[in-house]
Each structure stands twice: as structure tokens, then as C-alpha cells.
Protein backbone atom coordinates (compact mmCIF):
# COMPACT_ATOMS: atom_id res chain seq x y z
CA MET A 1 114.64 103.42 74.43
CA THR A 2 112.71 104.77 78.79
CA GLY A 3 115.09 104.99 81.31
CA PRO A 4 114.65 103.55 84.84
CA VAL A 5 111.83 104.23 86.78
CA PRO A 6 114.00 105.21 90.37
CA SER A 7 112.67 104.56 93.78
CA LEU A 8 113.09 105.10 96.99
CA VAL A 9 114.53 101.53 98.65
CA HIS A 10 114.41 99.97 102.49
CA PRO A 11 118.21 98.01 103.62
CA LYS A 12 116.44 94.59 102.59
CA GLY A 13 115.31 95.21 99.04
CA ARG A 14 112.02 97.08 99.18
CA THR A 15 110.60 99.90 97.38
CA MET A 16 108.90 102.60 99.90
CA ARG A 17 105.67 102.83 99.32
CA SER A 18 106.46 106.50 96.94
CA PRO A 19 106.06 106.70 94.52
CA LEU A 20 105.01 103.11 93.13
CA ARG A 21 104.58 101.49 96.52
CA PHE A 22 101.40 100.06 96.33
CA ARG A 23 101.49 98.67 92.42
CA ARG A 24 98.79 95.89 91.82
CA VAL A 25 100.00 92.31 90.60
CA ALA A 26 97.37 90.55 89.25
CA GLY A 27 93.33 90.83 88.98
CA GLY A 28 91.51 92.50 92.01
CA THR A 29 89.15 94.52 89.65
CA ALA A 30 85.92 95.57 91.11
CA ALA A 31 84.68 93.45 88.63
CA ALA A 32 86.12 90.20 90.10
CA ILE A 33 85.95 91.40 93.60
CA ALA A 34 82.02 91.45 92.82
CA LEU A 35 82.59 88.25 93.27
CA THR A 36 82.43 88.96 96.97
CA VAL A 37 78.98 89.42 97.08
CA ALA A 38 77.57 86.57 94.55
CA VAL A 39 78.19 84.20 97.29
CA THR A 40 77.15 82.99 100.48
CA GLY A 41 80.48 83.02 102.55
CA CYS A 42 82.19 84.04 105.59
CA SER A 43 85.20 85.58 106.64
CA THR A 44 88.19 83.09 107.93
CA SER A 45 87.19 84.23 111.68
CA SER A 46 85.30 81.45 113.50
CA SER A 47 83.23 81.62 116.99
CA GLN A 48 85.07 77.99 119.24
CA SER A 49 83.35 75.73 121.35
CA ASP A 50 82.98 78.04 124.26
CA GLY A 51 81.58 81.12 122.88
CA SER A 52 84.77 82.91 121.83
CA VAL A 53 85.65 84.41 118.99
CA LYS A 54 88.20 84.25 116.56
CA LEU A 55 89.42 86.92 114.01
CA THR A 56 91.83 87.63 111.33
CA LEU A 57 93.50 91.03 110.61
CA ALA A 58 95.97 91.20 107.27
CA MET A 59 98.57 92.91 106.98
CA TRP A 60 102.19 93.83 103.91
CA ASP A 61 104.52 95.42 106.06
CA PRO A 62 106.97 93.02 108.22
CA GLU A 63 108.74 96.75 109.50
CA GLN A 64 105.45 98.01 111.62
CA GLN A 65 103.85 94.04 112.75
CA ALA A 66 105.74 93.96 115.90
CA GLY A 67 103.63 97.34 116.71
CA VAL A 68 100.00 95.85 115.12
CA GLN A 69 100.63 92.71 117.38
CA LYS A 70 101.46 94.66 120.43
CA ALA A 71 98.29 96.67 119.45
CA VAL A 72 96.53 93.56 119.05
CA ASP A 73 97.94 92.13 121.69
CA ASP A 74 96.24 94.66 124.66
CA PHE A 75 93.11 94.17 122.57
CA GLU A 76 93.00 90.57 123.41
CA LYS A 77 94.22 91.53 127.19
CA ALA A 78 90.98 93.61 127.20
CA ASN A 79 88.32 91.72 124.99
CA PRO A 80 89.06 88.09 126.56
CA GLY A 81 86.79 86.10 124.13
CA ILE A 82 88.33 87.56 121.21
CA THR A 83 91.38 86.82 119.71
CA VAL A 84 92.51 87.55 116.75
CA GLU A 85 95.42 85.84 114.06
CA VAL A 86 97.21 88.67 112.61
CA GLU A 87 98.04 87.56 109.19
CA GLN A 88 101.38 89.23 107.35
CA VAL A 89 101.34 88.48 103.22
CA PRO A 90 104.44 89.50 101.20
CA GLU A 91 103.52 93.33 99.86
CA ALA A 92 103.82 91.79 96.40
CA GLN A 93 100.93 89.13 97.55
CA TYR A 94 98.29 91.12 99.17
CA TYR A 95 96.49 92.14 96.86
CA THR A 96 96.79 88.75 94.06
CA LYS A 97 96.03 86.46 97.61
CA LEU A 98 93.04 89.12 98.74
CA ASP A 99 91.84 89.20 95.93
CA ALA A 100 91.56 85.72 95.52
CA SER A 101 89.92 85.13 99.18
CA LEU A 102 87.26 87.59 99.10
CA GLY A 103 86.22 86.78 95.65
CA ALA A 104 85.65 82.91 97.04
CA GLY A 105 83.60 85.23 99.91
CA GLU A 106 86.26 84.08 102.41
CA GLY A 107 89.45 86.81 103.54
CA PRO A 108 89.94 87.75 106.83
CA ASP A 109 88.03 90.29 108.87
CA VAL A 110 89.77 93.19 109.27
CA MET A 111 92.24 93.67 106.35
CA TRP A 112 94.88 96.72 105.62
CA GLN A 113 93.91 99.12 102.78
CA SER A 114 95.70 101.84 100.84
CA SER A 115 93.85 104.20 97.97
CA LEU A 116 93.03 101.38 95.99
CA ALA A 117 90.23 100.38 98.60
CA SER A 118 87.46 102.36 95.87
CA GLN A 119 87.38 99.60 93.94
CA TYR A 120 87.20 97.37 96.55
CA VAL A 121 83.48 98.84 97.56
CA GLU A 122 82.83 99.65 94.17
CA GLY A 123 82.89 95.68 93.94
CA GLY A 124 81.30 94.80 97.49
CA ALA A 125 84.37 93.79 99.61
CA LEU A 126 83.68 96.26 102.43
CA GLU A 127 81.79 97.03 105.02
CA PRO A 128 80.62 100.46 105.57
CA LEU A 129 81.44 101.77 109.22
CA ASP A 130 78.36 103.67 109.50
CA LYS A 131 76.56 102.05 111.37
CA TYR A 132 79.32 101.36 114.09
CA ILE A 133 80.58 105.12 113.86
CA LYS A 134 77.86 106.33 115.81
CA GLU A 135 76.97 103.30 118.05
CA SER A 136 80.40 103.40 119.84
CA GLY A 137 80.65 107.08 119.22
CA LEU A 138 84.19 106.46 117.47
CA ASN A 139 84.64 110.38 116.37
CA LEU A 140 86.71 110.58 112.93
CA SER A 141 88.09 114.33 114.09
CA ASP A 142 90.14 112.52 115.88
CA TYR A 143 91.78 112.37 112.63
CA PRO A 144 93.25 114.23 109.51
CA SER A 145 90.20 114.38 107.58
CA LYS A 146 91.94 113.91 104.24
CA LEU A 147 92.56 110.83 105.17
CA VAL A 148 89.51 110.64 106.97
CA ASP A 149 87.82 111.26 103.82
CA LEU A 150 89.92 108.91 101.23
CA TYR A 151 87.74 106.34 102.78
CA LYS A 152 84.65 107.80 102.27
CA PHE A 153 82.20 107.00 99.21
CA ASP A 154 78.40 108.11 97.76
CA GLY A 155 78.55 109.94 102.01
CA LYS A 156 79.21 105.84 103.71
CA GLN A 157 83.02 105.47 105.69
CA TYR A 158 85.07 102.12 104.64
CA GLY A 159 88.17 102.70 106.72
CA ILE A 160 89.18 104.09 109.69
CA PRO A 161 92.95 105.31 109.50
CA LYS A 162 95.91 103.71 110.54
CA ASP A 163 98.58 106.07 109.78
CA GLU A 164 99.71 109.18 108.43
CA ASP A 165 103.38 109.52 105.98
CA VAL A 166 105.47 112.74 107.05
CA TRP A 167 109.18 113.04 105.25
CA SER A 168 111.90 114.58 106.88
CA PHE A 169 115.27 115.45 106.34
CA VAL A 170 117.67 113.14 108.42
CA TYR A 171 121.49 113.91 108.52
CA ASN A 172 124.53 111.40 109.90
CA THR A 173 126.80 114.11 111.83
CA GLU A 174 128.83 111.78 112.27
CA VAL A 175 129.90 112.38 108.74
CA PHE A 176 130.26 115.88 109.29
CA LYS A 177 132.70 115.83 111.71
CA LYS A 178 134.03 113.56 109.44
CA LEU A 179 134.46 116.12 106.72
CA GLY A 180 135.24 118.33 108.81
CA VAL A 181 131.89 120.09 107.67
CA THR A 182 130.22 122.49 110.37
CA ASP A 183 127.23 123.64 108.50
CA VAL A 184 124.97 121.21 108.73
CA PRO A 185 120.91 121.37 107.91
CA THR A 186 118.84 123.65 110.76
CA ALA A 187 115.33 123.11 111.03
CA ASP A 188 114.68 126.58 108.74
CA TRP A 189 116.95 125.50 106.69
CA THR A 190 116.17 126.20 101.86
CA TRP A 191 116.72 124.50 99.24
CA ASP A 192 120.05 127.04 98.42
CA ASP A 193 121.14 125.84 101.96
CA MET A 194 120.90 122.19 101.66
CA VAL A 195 122.74 123.11 97.86
CA ARG A 196 125.28 124.83 99.19
CA ILE A 197 126.10 121.98 101.94
CA ALA A 198 126.26 119.31 99.84
CA LYS A 199 128.73 120.93 97.24
CA GLU A 200 130.72 121.26 100.45
CA LEU A 201 130.35 117.63 101.11
CA ARG A 202 131.26 117.24 98.00
CA ALA A 203 133.86 118.73 97.90
CA LYS A 204 135.59 117.32 100.27
CA GLN A 205 134.65 113.35 99.76
CA THR A 206 137.32 111.03 99.11
CA SER A 207 135.21 108.07 97.79
CA GLY A 208 134.22 107.80 94.12
CA SER A 209 131.10 106.02 95.28
CA ASP A 210 130.16 108.23 98.36
CA TYR A 211 127.09 111.26 97.46
CA PRO A 212 126.54 114.35 99.73
CA MET A 213 122.82 112.36 99.76
CA PHE A 214 120.12 111.17 97.79
CA LYS A 215 116.79 112.87 97.23
CA MET A 216 113.38 111.93 95.74
CA THR A 217 113.71 112.02 92.26
CA THR A 218 110.20 110.65 90.89
CA PHE A 219 107.73 112.28 89.61
CA ASN A 220 104.85 111.46 92.53
CA GLY A 221 107.59 111.26 95.35
CA GLY A 222 110.22 114.32 94.24
CA VAL A 223 108.95 116.33 90.63
CA ALA A 224 105.61 116.85 92.21
CA GLY A 225 106.28 118.18 95.74
CA ILE A 226 108.82 120.52 94.31
CA ALA A 227 106.21 121.71 92.38
CA HIS A 228 103.65 122.22 94.76
CA GLN A 229 106.40 123.58 96.80
CA LEU A 230 106.59 126.45 93.99
CA GLY A 231 102.49 127.28 94.40
CA GLY A 232 102.11 124.70 91.24
CA THR A 233 99.54 121.97 90.89
CA VAL A 234 99.69 118.25 88.62
CA VAL A 235 96.01 118.00 88.54
CA LYS A 236 93.43 120.10 88.48
CA ASP A 237 90.44 120.05 87.17
CA GLY A 238 90.57 116.64 85.87
CA LYS A 239 93.56 117.02 83.45
CA GLY A 240 97.26 116.43 83.88
CA THR A 241 99.17 120.38 84.43
CA ALA A 242 102.53 119.43 83.87
CA SER A 243 102.71 121.63 81.15
CA SER A 244 104.08 124.47 83.97
CA SER A 245 106.71 126.39 84.91
CA GLU A 246 106.93 124.75 88.22
CA VAL A 247 107.12 121.26 87.17
CA THR A 248 109.71 122.74 84.36
CA GLU A 249 112.22 123.95 87.35
CA ALA A 250 111.55 121.15 89.29
CA LEU A 251 112.44 118.91 86.99
CA GLU A 252 115.51 121.02 86.32
CA ARG A 253 116.70 121.55 90.53
CA ILE A 254 116.74 116.94 90.30
CA LYS A 255 118.52 117.13 87.03
CA GLU A 256 121.13 119.82 88.26
CA LEU A 257 121.54 117.91 91.93
CA GLN A 258 122.18 115.10 89.68
CA ASP A 259 124.53 116.68 86.60
CA ASP A 260 126.79 118.36 89.63
CA LYS A 261 126.85 114.36 91.49
CA LEU A 262 125.29 115.56 94.63
CA ILE A 263 123.05 113.18 94.54
CA PRO A 264 124.19 109.66 93.00
CA PRO A 265 122.70 109.76 88.88
CA VAL A 266 118.99 108.57 89.08
CA ALA A 267 120.29 105.89 85.95
CA ASP A 268 121.53 104.16 89.09
CA SER A 269 119.12 104.44 92.05
CA THR A 270 116.72 102.00 91.13
CA ASP A 271 117.79 100.01 94.25
CA PHE A 272 119.93 102.30 95.69
CA GLN A 273 120.17 101.14 99.36
CA THR A 274 118.60 104.00 101.13
CA SER A 275 118.88 103.36 104.99
CA SER A 276 122.39 101.74 104.84
CA ALA A 277 124.33 103.90 102.70
CA LEU A 278 123.19 106.64 105.94
CA ILE A 279 124.00 104.42 108.74
CA SER A 280 127.40 103.62 106.98
CA GLY A 281 128.30 106.97 105.39
CA THR A 282 128.01 106.80 101.88
CA ILE A 283 125.73 109.58 101.95
CA ALA A 284 125.64 112.12 104.82
CA MET A 285 121.87 113.35 104.60
CA THR A 286 118.50 111.87 102.77
CA GLU A 287 114.93 112.32 102.80
CA PHE A 288 113.37 109.82 104.95
CA PRO A 289 109.48 108.58 105.13
CA SER A 290 107.69 108.23 108.99
CA TYR A 291 106.83 104.44 108.16
CA PHE A 292 111.00 103.35 107.87
CA LEU A 293 111.99 105.43 110.40
CA SER A 294 112.44 102.33 113.24
CA ASP A 295 114.93 101.40 110.41
CA LEU A 296 117.23 104.75 111.69
CA THR A 297 116.06 103.93 115.19
CA LYS A 298 117.46 100.02 115.16
CA ALA A 299 120.58 101.44 114.16
CA ASP A 300 123.21 100.14 116.21
CA VAL A 301 124.98 103.63 116.18
CA PRO A 302 125.30 106.16 119.44
CA ASN A 303 121.32 108.35 119.98
CA GLY A 304 121.49 111.14 118.65
CA THR A 305 124.08 110.59 116.06
CA LEU A 306 121.73 111.08 112.90
CA HIS A 307 119.23 113.85 113.80
CA ALA A 308 116.20 115.45 111.33
CA VAL A 309 115.06 118.37 110.62
CA PRO A 310 112.40 119.90 108.18
CA VAL A 311 112.74 118.33 104.24
CA PRO A 312 114.39 122.32 102.80
CA SER A 313 111.23 124.96 102.48
CA ILE A 314 111.39 126.73 98.87
CA ASN A 315 109.69 130.36 99.21
CA GLY A 316 108.22 129.17 102.56
CA SER A 317 106.53 126.16 102.19
CA HIS A 318 107.58 122.53 103.62
CA ALA A 319 105.35 120.11 101.12
CA LYS A 320 105.17 117.38 100.12
CA ASP A 321 103.55 114.11 99.78
CA THR A 322 101.55 111.86 101.85
CA ASN A 323 99.21 108.83 102.47
CA GLY A 324 97.84 106.76 105.28
CA LEU A 325 96.51 103.56 105.18
CA SER A 326 93.31 102.51 107.17
CA TYR A 327 91.51 99.37 108.44
CA THR A 328 88.86 98.19 106.87
CA MET A 329 86.30 95.50 107.27
CA ASN A 330 85.09 92.91 105.52
CA ALA A 331 81.65 92.56 104.12
CA ASN A 332 81.23 88.89 104.60
CA SER A 333 82.85 88.71 108.43
CA SER A 334 80.93 85.99 110.41
CA HIS A 335 81.71 88.87 113.61
CA LYS A 336 80.90 92.14 112.43
CA ASP A 337 80.74 93.70 115.53
CA ALA A 338 83.94 92.21 117.04
CA ALA A 339 85.79 93.08 113.92
CA PHE A 340 84.58 96.80 114.54
CA GLU A 341 86.11 96.47 118.20
CA LEU A 342 89.50 95.85 116.92
CA ILE A 343 89.30 98.09 114.46
CA GLN A 344 88.23 100.88 117.06
CA TYR A 345 91.25 99.52 119.03
CA LEU A 346 93.37 99.84 116.90
CA THR A 347 92.22 103.08 116.06
CA SER A 348 91.99 104.59 119.30
CA THR A 349 94.60 106.43 121.29
CA GLU A 350 95.98 102.90 123.34
CA GLY A 351 96.12 101.28 119.94
CA ALA A 352 97.83 103.66 117.87
CA LYS A 353 100.15 104.06 120.79
CA ALA A 354 100.66 100.05 120.84
CA HIS A 355 101.77 100.74 117.20
CA VAL A 356 104.48 103.52 117.43
CA GLU A 357 106.07 101.82 120.93
CA GLY A 358 106.44 98.46 118.66
CA GLY A 359 108.16 100.30 115.93
CA SER A 360 104.92 101.16 113.75
CA GLY A 361 104.91 104.19 111.46
CA PHE A 362 103.65 107.79 111.96
CA ALA A 363 99.37 107.12 113.59
CA ALA A 364 97.26 109.11 112.11
CA ASN A 365 95.55 109.47 115.59
CA THR A 366 95.80 113.59 116.04
CA SER A 367 95.94 113.05 120.06
CA SER A 368 99.04 114.15 121.64
CA GLU A 369 99.73 110.90 123.83
CA VAL A 370 100.02 109.02 120.70
CA LYS A 371 102.51 111.56 119.10
CA ASP A 372 104.14 112.23 122.11
CA ALA A 373 104.57 108.18 121.56
CA TYR A 374 105.81 107.96 118.43
CA TYR A 375 108.75 110.53 119.45
CA LYS A 376 109.69 109.64 122.49
CA ALA A 377 110.22 105.90 120.77
CA ASN A 378 111.99 107.30 118.24
CA ASP A 379 114.03 109.25 120.45
CA THR A 380 117.67 108.06 119.37
CA ILE A 381 116.70 110.67 116.23
CA ALA A 382 117.16 114.04 117.03
CA GLY A 383 115.40 116.48 116.24
CA LEU A 384 112.46 114.71 114.92
CA LYS A 385 109.81 116.99 117.21
CA GLU A 386 110.27 119.68 115.58
CA ALA A 387 111.25 117.94 112.02
CA TYR A 388 107.90 116.94 111.44
CA GLN A 389 105.38 119.35 112.81
CA PRO A 390 106.25 121.86 109.41
CA MET A 391 105.81 118.70 107.60
CA LEU A 392 102.68 118.19 108.92
CA LYS A 393 101.39 121.44 108.25
CA ASP A 394 102.18 121.71 104.99
CA ASN A 395 101.77 117.83 103.24
CA TYR A 396 99.93 117.32 100.80
CA LEU A 397 97.85 114.05 99.07
CA ARG A 398 100.12 111.66 96.98
CA THR A 399 99.04 111.79 92.81
CA THR A 400 98.51 108.45 93.49
CA THR A 401 96.69 108.55 96.49
CA GLN A 402 94.31 111.29 95.85
CA TYR A 403 93.43 109.84 91.92
CA PRO A 404 93.61 106.44 91.88
CA ALA A 405 92.89 106.12 88.95
CA THR A 406 96.54 107.89 87.77
CA ARG A 407 98.51 103.91 89.54
CA PRO A 408 98.88 101.96 87.08
CA ASN A 409 99.54 105.03 84.59
CA PHE A 410 102.67 106.00 86.86
CA PRO A 411 105.56 103.44 85.56
CA ARG A 412 105.02 104.93 82.66
CA ILE A 413 105.26 108.67 83.73
CA GLU A 414 108.39 107.77 85.68
CA SER A 415 109.58 105.91 82.47
CA ALA A 416 109.45 109.67 80.34
CA VAL A 417 111.14 111.26 83.82
CA GLY A 418 113.93 108.65 83.97
CA ASP A 419 114.45 109.60 80.44
CA TYR A 420 114.14 113.11 80.86
CA TYR A 421 117.35 112.75 83.74
CA ALA A 422 119.28 111.08 81.50
CA GLY A 423 118.95 113.71 78.63
CA ARG A 424 116.85 112.07 76.13
CA ILE A 425 113.90 114.40 76.05
CA SER A 426 112.80 117.63 77.06
CA ALA A 427 111.68 119.00 79.78
CA SER A 428 108.43 120.30 77.26
CA ALA A 429 108.41 117.02 76.13
CA VAL A 430 107.82 114.84 79.11
CA GLU A 431 105.50 117.84 80.35
CA LYS A 432 103.12 117.04 77.82
CA LYS A 433 103.57 113.27 77.84
CA ILE A 434 102.48 113.07 81.73
CA ASP A 435 99.34 115.51 81.15
CA SER A 436 98.65 112.91 78.33
CA ILE A 437 98.49 109.75 80.87
CA LEU A 438 97.12 111.56 84.33
CA THR A 439 94.57 113.18 81.59
CA ASP A 440 93.69 109.74 80.20
CA ALA A 441 93.53 108.66 83.47
CA LEU A 442 91.02 110.33 84.80
CA LYS A 443 88.68 110.50 81.92
């Protein structure tokens, strides 16, 4: 019997993009995508009778659509000869629809891509951007190098980073006041502080359905992060390295939280509605990612009710996984110059500011002007800037981001980890299983 695959869930029921967010649903192999170079096709862009150009842009996250649209509107004002149609495709259908359109030699001119981009590059579906970058003077040093390099293949750049995932711990000050708990999370808190605070909250909660907090328990989004904080790794030199004292301790720490009832039972957490639970007070605090922060910003609570701090440190480290989406260009676009102009604007200081002002996640553009705009757009949450600074310093690429070949195998890994939390398998046994799965995937 296998255990469930726990995940952090959006209040509307969508799983967050840590750890299994962009699971492929069908097709999409490089061989299928290679059809794009085998036919003489064109993207869904078009030239109008007046000489203007119409581009299409594909994205998946409805929570970020307003921010994308705001940036697109600003782009159109600055480029009156170009119009852009934003197409938001539901996440579960995004890559299936993209594969079908690209396979027919069509598809959007500009599209969101994740670490799955390598498959599309291998299939010839994405346009290398080096020529355009050089001609435009776009400076790739304006983005975190780890995210730039995610979209570089065989020395060619295929994507410009759009955003960067940042985690924090958000607590509901009203819950603490209601329970009479004055020991609150702080910017310098540690794992031991978190456990102490959670135990006090637990002792004062009266409802059996309430829990002190929610924390990521998956291997990809939870265990690996703690292992990194402890100085360990989960992949090294092309092999799984989960059989280590650091991973064992990470697993034990999370299981102890569950067994002490400081977090909901992992088996019951698959559909846990984290945002709504925090806002309603069912939980007092939770780990929370930047790409859904607008859910909390929009909450009908007084400013400052929600307060952010860094993820609690272990051995002085706030290590937590990150990922970054990028804007990429269809190799079959009929208007590549215009498509790159759009990409360049969307990822520029002006475009990135428009994204975050409209509710999108933390932008990859490292301009202080962009960061300030993000913090201002989310200023109903106290302490956000101070919470993010150490997280940005210590973050590392998510395992499935850095090693996309492991992605299809992660449901098996998460299932095995679920068995450990349920007491059906030992830590050493689950670690060996994880190492075998990771190493096989990386061959």
C-alpha cells in the first residue's frame, strides 16, 4: 500500500508549484514536439491590413493574469503597432494544448516555460534569443544567474526569467492574540523556536480541527530543504544522495511535527486549503510562497493582521527551494522581432513592475525599483521585505527544476515518503528507494 502525495494547496483547489506543480499530462516528448520543425507553419500571430502585428502570449496561472495583462497593456501603449492577445490556459491542460499547437507548426508567439523547456529546445520548438539579446542590449545580469542558466542550452539562451519563487512563514496575529500567545515568530527565529511556539499554540487551541501550523512535508518541497539547511544534498555527481544523516534528520523532524499534532496529518493534507485556513484561523502560521501571496494580500482582514518572517533557520541557514518561469519565443513565430520586443518589455524594469503591481509573483528582475514595487503591492502583509531578504540569499534550485529528468518520477518518491510518515517504512528504507529512483532517472 502506498501513501498519499501531500502538497500545499491553493484555496481554490489548485496545487502549488512546489513540488509537483507542472506535471505533464500527455504527450510532449521531444520527438512529438519536433513536428514543429518538420512542417512549414506559423504561429497564431498575424499581420493586419494596416500593417500592424497581432501577437499571442500563453500562460497558465489565473492568479497572475491581471499582472501579465497590466504589463501587456503598458507594452501596447508603448508600441501602438503591436497588439497582444493573452491566452490563459488551465494549468492541467497547458502543456497538452501547447504540444498540440506546436506540433502543428502553430502555437503562441510568446509562452511561459518552466524547467521543461529543455524538451522544447530539443524538439526545435523554441527560438534561441542570443541574436535579439545582443542587438537589443538586454543585460542578463539583471536576473539571478541560476535562473538565467536554467534556460541556456548548448551555449544558447532560450528564455528570459520572469519570476523567482520565494518562501516565507506567515502568521495570523489575531490568532495569537485570541489564544493569548505572546511568543511570536521573529526574523531571527530557529526551528526550535518554531516548535516551542507551535506547542504553546497547540496547548491553547480548543477545536480538534485546528492546528498550530502547516509546513511542507513533501520530499521535493519539505525534506530536501531541511536537508540543505543541515548541509546535505539530495543529488550529487549524477546520483541520488538521500541516504544521509541530513535527510534522515529532515524526515524525523517533519514526522515529529506530525506525531505531536503540530501540523495536520500528512495523509489528510493532500487537499489542505492553506490560505483560507490561515485567514480563518484554523491554523496560526504557515510556510507560504511568493507566487500565491496575492491571495493573502486580497484577504478581507485589517492591514498587518498577517505578518511574514523568514522560514526558521537551522544551523544559521534559511535554505529553501526556488524555481523561476521564463518568457520564451516560438521558433515558428511569423513576427520574431515583435515577439522579442514583447519579451524584453515584460522582463524589463517597467514590465516587471507592472507584473507585480497587478498581483503577479516576485519578479526575477533584480532592480530595487521592481522589488520595492512588489513589497508596496503586498504591504498589507507586515515584515515581508525583511522576511524575503535572507530567503533570497540562501535559496537553491528545486530538485525537479535543476534536474528535470527526475520530474516524472517524483510521484513515486512522494508516495514512498508518505509511507514513511504513516509508519509503514523506515527512514533508511525510504532513502534507499529515493536514491534508486533519482539515480535511475539521471542516467
